[in-house]
Amino acid sequence: MTTILDPTDERVPVARQITARTGDISGVIGLLDISKPRGNVLLDELQSLLAARYPKVEIRRYAKPTFAKPCPSDLRLRIKSECSVLVEALAD
């Protein structure tokens, strides 16, 4: 069973369906640090967990220059061309 944690307002919960999963991850997983404090700490731990669980998957790290602005176009295009999956870290 998969548990999804939703950081939005819980006073008005939204029902969501999970897209069917194959149980297998392949290709390249991108980890995007949006440059908020301690986001790198979160991604370090996530990278360790993913590497242990999916040893054949390549993991690449990316970072936005600042959390205050959208991801630059060139970085978005690079991530899109290099990754099968992207995880974006939000932390403080």
N, C-alpha and C. Protein backbone atom coordinates (compact mmCIF):
# COMPACT_ATOMS: atom_id res chain seq x y z
N MET A 1 0.84 -1.17 0.00
CA MET A 1 0.00 0.00 0.00
C MET A 1 0.88 1.24 0.00
N THR A 2 0.51 2.23 -0.79
CA THR A 2 1.25 3.47 -0.88
C THR A 2 0.48 4.57 -0.17
N THR A 3 1.18 5.35 0.65
CA THR A 3 0.56 6.47 1.34
C THR A 3 1.06 7.76 0.69
N ILE A 4 0.16 8.63 0.32
CA ILE A 4 0.53 9.92 -0.24
C ILE A 4 0.27 10.98 0.81
N LEU A 5 1.28 11.77 1.10
CA LEU A 5 1.12 12.89 2.04
C LEU A 5 0.91 14.15 1.21
N ASP A 6 -0.18 14.84 1.49
CA ASP A 6 -0.55 16.03 0.74
C ASP A 6 -0.41 17.24 1.65
N PRO A 7 0.49 18.17 1.33
CA PRO A 7 0.74 19.31 2.21
C PRO A 7 -0.30 20.43 2.11
N THR A 8 -1.35 20.23 1.34
CA THR A 8 -2.34 21.29 1.18
C THR A 8 -3.31 21.29 2.36
N ASP A 9 -4.16 22.27 2.40
CA ASP A 9 -5.13 22.47 3.48
C ASP A 9 -5.99 21.23 3.67
N GLU A 10 -5.95 20.64 4.86
CA GLU A 10 -6.70 19.41 5.13
C GLU A 10 -8.13 19.67 5.56
N ARG A 11 -8.51 20.91 5.76
CA ARG A 11 -9.89 21.20 6.15
C ARG A 11 -10.87 20.88 5.04
N VAL A 12 -10.38 20.93 3.81
CA VAL A 12 -11.20 20.58 2.65
C VAL A 12 -10.41 19.54 1.85
N PRO A 13 -10.45 18.27 2.29
CA PRO A 13 -9.65 17.25 1.60
C PRO A 13 -10.11 17.01 0.17
N VAL A 14 -9.16 16.69 -0.67
CA VAL A 14 -9.43 16.41 -2.07
C VAL A 14 -9.16 14.93 -2.32
N ALA A 15 -10.12 14.24 -2.90
CA ALA A 15 -9.92 12.82 -3.23
C ALA A 15 -9.04 12.74 -4.47
N ARG A 16 -8.03 11.88 -4.41
CA ARG A 16 -7.12 11.72 -5.54
C ARG A 16 -6.90 10.25 -5.83
N GLN A 17 -6.68 9.96 -7.08
CA GLN A 17 -6.38 8.60 -7.50
C GLN A 17 -4.91 8.52 -7.89
N ILE A 18 -4.27 7.45 -7.51
CA ILE A 18 -2.88 7.23 -7.89
C ILE A 18 -2.86 6.59 -9.27
N THR A 19 -1.99 7.08 -10.14
CA THR A 19 -1.82 6.46 -11.44
C THR A 19 -1.25 5.07 -11.25
N ALA A 20 -1.70 4.13 -12.05
CA ALA A 20 -1.21 2.75 -11.94
C ALA A 20 0.31 2.71 -12.11
N ARG A 21 0.96 1.92 -11.28
CA ARG A 21 2.41 1.79 -11.31
C ARG A 21 2.79 0.38 -11.74
N THR A 22 3.93 0.27 -12.42
CA THR A 22 4.41 -1.04 -12.86
C THR A 22 5.20 -1.73 -11.76
N GLY A 23 5.68 -0.97 -10.79
CA GLY A 23 6.51 -1.55 -9.74
C GLY A 23 7.97 -1.51 -10.10
N ASP A 24 8.28 -1.05 -11.31
CA ASP A 24 9.67 -1.00 -11.76
C ASP A 24 10.01 0.43 -12.17
N ILE A 25 11.17 0.88 -11.77
CA ILE A 25 11.66 2.19 -12.17
C ILE A 25 12.92 1.97 -12.99
N SER A 26 12.99 2.63 -14.13
CA SER A 26 14.18 2.50 -14.97
C SER A 26 14.53 3.87 -15.53
N GLY A 27 15.70 3.94 -16.13
CA GLY A 27 16.14 5.20 -16.71
C GLY A 27 16.88 6.06 -15.71
N VAL A 28 16.64 7.34 -15.78
CA VAL A 28 17.35 8.31 -14.95
C VAL A 28 16.35 9.03 -14.05
N ILE A 29 16.65 9.09 -12.75
CA ILE A 29 15.86 9.85 -11.80
C ILE A 29 16.58 11.16 -11.55
N GLY A 30 15.90 12.27 -11.77
CA GLY A 30 16.47 13.58 -11.49
C GLY A 30 15.99 14.06 -10.13
N LEU A 31 16.89 14.65 -9.37
CA LEU A 31 16.56 15.24 -8.08
C LEU A 31 16.85 16.72 -8.18
N LEU A 32 15.81 17.54 -8.06
CA LEU A 32 15.95 18.99 -8.22
C LEU A 32 15.88 19.68 -6.87
N ASP A 33 16.96 20.34 -6.51
CA ASP A 33 17.03 21.15 -5.31
C ASP A 33 16.60 22.56 -5.70
N ILE A 34 15.54 23.07 -5.09
CA ILE A 34 15.07 24.41 -5.47
C ILE A 34 15.82 25.51 -4.72
N SER A 35 16.81 25.12 -3.95
CA SER A 35 17.69 26.05 -3.23
C SER A 35 17.06 26.67 -1.99
N LYS A 36 16.12 25.97 -1.39
CA LYS A 36 15.64 26.38 -0.08
C LYS A 36 16.54 25.73 0.96
N PRO A 37 16.66 26.33 2.14
CA PRO A 37 17.52 25.76 3.16
C PRO A 37 17.16 24.30 3.47
N ARG A 38 18.16 23.47 3.56
CA ARG A 38 18.09 22.04 3.91
C ARG A 38 17.46 21.15 2.84
N GLY A 39 17.14 21.71 1.69
CA GLY A 39 16.64 20.88 0.60
C GLY A 39 17.67 19.86 0.17
N ASN A 40 18.95 20.26 0.21
CA ASN A 40 20.02 19.33 -0.14
C ASN A 40 20.11 18.17 0.84
N VAL A 41 19.78 18.42 2.12
CA VAL A 41 19.80 17.36 3.13
C VAL A 41 18.72 16.33 2.81
N LEU A 42 17.53 16.82 2.46
CA LEU A 42 16.44 15.93 2.07
C LEU A 42 16.84 15.10 0.85
N LEU A 43 17.41 15.76 -0.16
CA LEU A 43 17.78 15.05 -1.38
C LEU A 43 18.93 14.07 -1.15
N ASP A 44 19.86 14.39 -0.26
CA ASP A 44 20.93 13.44 0.06
C ASP A 44 20.34 12.15 0.60
N GLU A 45 19.40 12.26 1.51
CA GLU A 45 18.76 11.08 2.10
C GLU A 45 17.93 10.32 1.06
N LEU A 46 17.19 11.06 0.26
CA LEU A 46 16.38 10.43 -0.78
C LEU A 46 17.26 9.71 -1.79
N GLN A 47 18.38 10.33 -2.16
CA GLN A 47 19.29 9.70 -3.10
C GLN A 47 19.83 8.38 -2.54
N SER A 48 20.18 8.36 -1.27
CA SER A 48 20.67 7.13 -0.63
C SER A 48 19.60 6.04 -0.66
N LEU A 49 18.37 6.41 -0.32
CA LEU A 49 17.27 5.43 -0.32
C LEU A 49 16.99 4.90 -1.72
N LEU A 50 16.95 5.79 -2.70
CA LEU A 50 16.68 5.36 -4.07
C LEU A 50 17.81 4.48 -4.61
N ALA A 51 19.05 4.85 -4.32
CA ALA A 51 20.20 4.07 -4.80
C ALA A 51 20.19 2.67 -4.21
N ALA A 52 19.78 2.54 -2.95
CA ALA A 52 19.72 1.23 -2.31
C ALA A 52 18.58 0.39 -2.88
N ARG A 53 17.47 1.04 -3.16
CA ARG A 53 16.28 0.30 -3.64
C ARG A 53 16.34 0.00 -5.13
N TYR A 54 16.95 0.90 -5.91
CA TYR A 54 17.02 0.75 -7.37
C TYR A 54 18.47 0.91 -7.83
N PRO A 55 19.32 -0.09 -7.57
CA PRO A 55 20.75 0.05 -7.86
C PRO A 55 21.09 0.22 -9.34
N LYS A 56 20.20 -0.17 -10.24
CA LYS A 56 20.49 -0.05 -11.68
C LYS A 56 20.05 1.29 -12.27
N VAL A 57 19.39 2.11 -11.47
CA VAL A 57 18.90 3.41 -11.94
C VAL A 57 19.97 4.47 -11.70
N GLU A 58 20.16 5.33 -12.68
CA GLU A 58 21.09 6.45 -12.53
C GLU A 58 20.35 7.61 -11.88
N ILE A 59 21.01 8.28 -10.95
CA ILE A 59 20.42 9.43 -10.27
C ILE A 59 21.27 10.66 -10.58
N ARG A 60 20.61 11.71 -11.03
CA ARG A 60 21.32 12.96 -11.35
C ARG A 60 20.74 14.08 -10.49
N ARG A 61 21.62 14.95 -10.06
CA ARG A 61 21.21 16.08 -9.20
C ARG A 61 21.23 17.37 -10.01
N TYR A 62 20.25 18.22 -9.72
CA TYR A 62 20.13 19.53 -10.34
C TYR A 62 19.78 20.54 -9.25
N ALA A 63 20.05 21.81 -9.51
CA ALA A 63 19.70 22.85 -8.54
C ALA A 63 19.27 24.12 -9.27
N LYS A 64 18.18 24.70 -8.77
CA LYS A 64 17.76 26.01 -9.26
C LYS A 64 18.68 27.06 -8.64
N PRO A 65 18.89 28.16 -9.33
CA PRO A 65 19.73 29.22 -8.75
C PRO A 65 19.10 29.86 -7.51
N THR A 66 17.76 29.92 -7.47
CA THR A 66 17.05 30.51 -6.33
C THR A 66 15.64 29.94 -6.27
N PHE A 67 15.11 29.82 -5.06
CA PHE A 67 13.74 29.33 -4.93
C PHE A 67 12.72 30.43 -5.25
N ALA A 68 13.18 31.68 -5.30
CA ALA A 68 12.27 32.81 -5.47
C ALA A 68 11.77 33.00 -6.90
N LYS A 69 12.37 32.29 -7.85
CA LYS A 69 11.98 32.44 -9.25
C LYS A 69 11.74 31.06 -9.86
N PRO A 70 10.96 30.99 -10.92
CA PRO A 70 10.75 29.71 -11.60
C PRO A 70 12.06 29.13 -12.11
N CYS A 71 12.04 27.84 -12.33
CA CYS A 71 13.22 27.15 -12.86
C CYS A 71 13.55 27.73 -14.24
N PRO A 72 14.82 28.07 -14.48
CA PRO A 72 15.19 28.62 -15.79
C PRO A 72 14.87 27.64 -16.92
N SER A 73 14.50 28.20 -18.03
CA SER A 73 14.12 27.41 -19.20
C SER A 73 15.18 26.39 -19.61
N ASP A 74 16.43 26.82 -19.66
CA ASP A 74 17.49 25.91 -20.09
C ASP A 74 17.64 24.73 -19.13
N LEU A 75 17.46 24.96 -17.84
CA LEU A 75 17.55 23.88 -16.87
C LEU A 75 16.36 22.94 -17.01
N ARG A 76 15.16 23.48 -17.21
CA ARG A 76 13.97 22.64 -17.43
C ARG A 76 14.15 21.74 -18.65
N LEU A 77 14.66 22.31 -19.73
CA LEU A 77 14.86 21.53 -20.95
C LEU A 77 15.93 20.46 -20.76
N ARG A 78 16.98 20.79 -20.03
CA ARG A 78 18.04 19.82 -19.75
C ARG A 78 17.49 18.64 -18.94
N ILE A 79 16.74 18.95 -17.89
CA ILE A 79 16.15 17.90 -17.06
C ILE A 79 15.21 17.04 -17.90
N LYS A 80 14.38 17.66 -18.70
CA LYS A 80 13.44 16.93 -19.55
C LYS A 80 14.16 15.99 -20.50
N SER A 81 15.27 16.43 -21.06
CA SER A 81 15.99 15.60 -22.03
C SER A 81 16.80 14.48 -21.36
N GLU A 82 17.17 14.66 -20.09
CA GLU A 82 18.05 13.69 -19.42
C GLU A 82 17.33 12.72 -18.49
N CYS A 83 16.10 13.03 -18.05
CA CYS A 83 15.48 12.24 -16.97
C CYS A 83 14.17 11.59 -17.38
N SER A 84 13.90 10.44 -16.77
CA SER A 84 12.64 9.75 -16.93
C SER A 84 11.66 10.19 -15.84
N VAL A 85 12.20 10.53 -14.67
CA VAL A 85 11.42 10.89 -13.49
C VAL A 85 12.13 12.07 -12.80
N LEU A 86 11.37 12.97 -12.20
CA LEU A 86 11.97 14.08 -11.47
C LEU A 86 11.30 14.21 -10.11
N VAL A 87 12.13 14.40 -9.08
CA VAL A 87 11.66 14.69 -7.73
C VAL A 87 12.17 16.08 -7.39
N GLU A 88 11.27 16.94 -6.97
CA GLU A 88 11.63 18.32 -6.61
C GLU A 88 11.58 18.44 -5.10
N ALA A 89 12.67 18.94 -4.50
CA ALA A 89 12.76 19.02 -3.03
C ALA A 89 12.33 20.40 -2.54
N LEU A 90 11.40 20.39 -1.61
CA LEU A 90 10.99 21.60 -0.92
C LEU A 90 11.28 21.37 0.56
N ALA A 91 12.11 22.20 1.14
CA ALA A 91 12.44 22.02 2.55
C ALA A 91 12.81 23.36 3.18
N ASP A 92 12.78 23.40 4.48
CA ASP A 92 13.22 24.57 5.26
C ASP A 92 13.83 24.08 6.53
